[in-house]
Amino acid sequence: MAALIGVGTVVMMLLGRREDIVTTGITTAVVMVVAAISPQDARQQPLLRLVDTVVGIAVGVGMPKSFISVRPETGGII
């Protein structure tokens, strides 16, 4: 697991995303621990985490737009 976290760290550094190194390490550790806890589904776990991440990104991007509305009386955005 330490090797995978190290590889993730190096990749994030090479991509210039130093602020995402901790997130990458935590995500890698969670996927590895979940795969170790339930080895019968180990091949499915990375795919499930990918889907989970994509849904989280979609919600994070979509939700702020749903809270923005235009007030007709002022013409401003609230």
Protein backbone atom coordinates (compact mmCIF):
# COMPACT_ATOMS: atom_id res chain seq x y z
CA MET A 1 0.00 0.00 0.00
CA ALA A 2 2.86 2.38 0.76
CA ALA A 3 4.23 1.87 -2.76
CA LEU A 4 0.87 2.75 -4.31
CA ILE A 5 0.55 5.87 -2.17
CA GLY A 6 4.09 6.83 -3.18
CA VAL A 7 3.31 6.35 -6.86
CA GLY A 8 0.17 8.48 -6.47
CA THR A 9 2.21 11.19 -4.77
CA VAL A 10 4.80 11.25 -7.55
CA VAL A 11 2.10 11.34 -10.23
CA MET A 12 0.33 14.27 -8.55
CA MET A 13 3.65 16.11 -8.21
CA LEU A 14 4.43 15.57 -11.89
CA LEU A 15 0.97 16.84 -12.82
CA GLY A 16 1.55 19.95 -10.73
CA ARG A 17 -1.35 19.13 -8.40
CA ARG A 18 0.42 19.26 -5.03
CA GLU A 19 -2.80 20.28 -3.27
CA ASP A 20 -4.33 16.93 -4.28
CA ILE A 21 -1.57 14.70 -2.90
CA VAL A 22 -3.31 14.11 0.43
CA THR A 23 -6.62 13.33 -1.26
CA THR A 24 -4.90 10.87 -3.58
CA GLY A 25 -3.22 9.12 -0.67
CA ILE A 26 -6.43 8.86 1.33
CA THR A 27 -8.38 7.58 -1.67
CA THR A 28 -5.72 4.98 -2.42
CA ALA A 29 -5.70 3.80 1.19
CA VAL A 30 -9.50 3.54 1.32
CA VAL A 31 -9.67 1.51 -1.88
CA MET A 32 -6.92 -0.83 -0.67
CA VAL A 33 -8.49 -1.32 2.78
CA VAL A 34 -11.94 -1.98 1.32
CA ALA A 35 -10.44 -4.47 -1.14
CA ALA A 36 -8.64 -6.22 1.75
CA ILE A 37 -11.79 -6.37 3.88
CA SER A 38 -13.90 -7.94 1.15
CA PRO A 39 -11.51 -9.77 -1.19
CA GLN A 40 -14.34 -11.53 -3.07
CA ASP A 41 -15.31 -8.18 -4.60
CA ALA A 42 -11.81 -6.72 -4.83
CA ARG A 43 -11.94 -6.20 -8.60
CA GLN A 44 -15.20 -4.24 -8.33
CA GLN A 45 -14.05 -1.81 -5.64
CA PRO A 46 -11.92 0.51 -7.81
CA LEU A 47 -14.75 0.77 -10.35
CA LEU A 48 -17.27 1.51 -7.60
CA ARG A 49 -15.00 4.19 -6.13
CA LEU A 50 -14.60 5.73 -9.61
CA VAL A 51 -18.38 5.88 -10.03
CA ASP A 52 -18.68 7.31 -6.51
CA THR A 53 -16.13 10.00 -7.37
CA VAL A 54 -17.83 10.91 -10.64
CA VAL A 55 -21.20 11.25 -8.88
CA GLY A 56 -19.59 13.40 -6.18
CA ILE A 57 -18.03 15.69 -8.78
CA ALA A 58 -21.33 15.98 -10.65
CA VAL A 59 -23.16 16.92 -7.44
CA GLY A 60 -20.44 19.38 -6.49
CA VAL A 61 -20.56 21.09 -9.86
CA GLY A 62 -24.33 20.94 -10.27
CA MET A 63 -25.54 21.96 -6.83
CA PRO A 64 -24.19 25.54 -6.76
CA LYS A 65 -26.07 26.24 -9.98
CA SER A 66 -29.32 25.04 -8.44
CA PHE A 67 -28.96 27.54 -5.57
CA ILE A 68 -28.48 30.53 -7.86
CA SER A 69 -31.65 32.29 -8.87
CA VAL A 70 -32.42 35.63 -10.40
CA ARG A 71 -34.67 37.98 -8.48
CA PRO A 72 -36.96 39.68 -10.98
CA GLU A 73 -37.54 42.81 -8.86
CA THR A 74 -33.83 43.65 -8.55
CA GLY A 75 -32.44 41.89 -11.58
CA GLY A 76 -29.64 40.67 -9.36
CA ILE A 77 -28.45 37.21 -8.54
CA ILE A 78 -29.07 35.92 -5.04
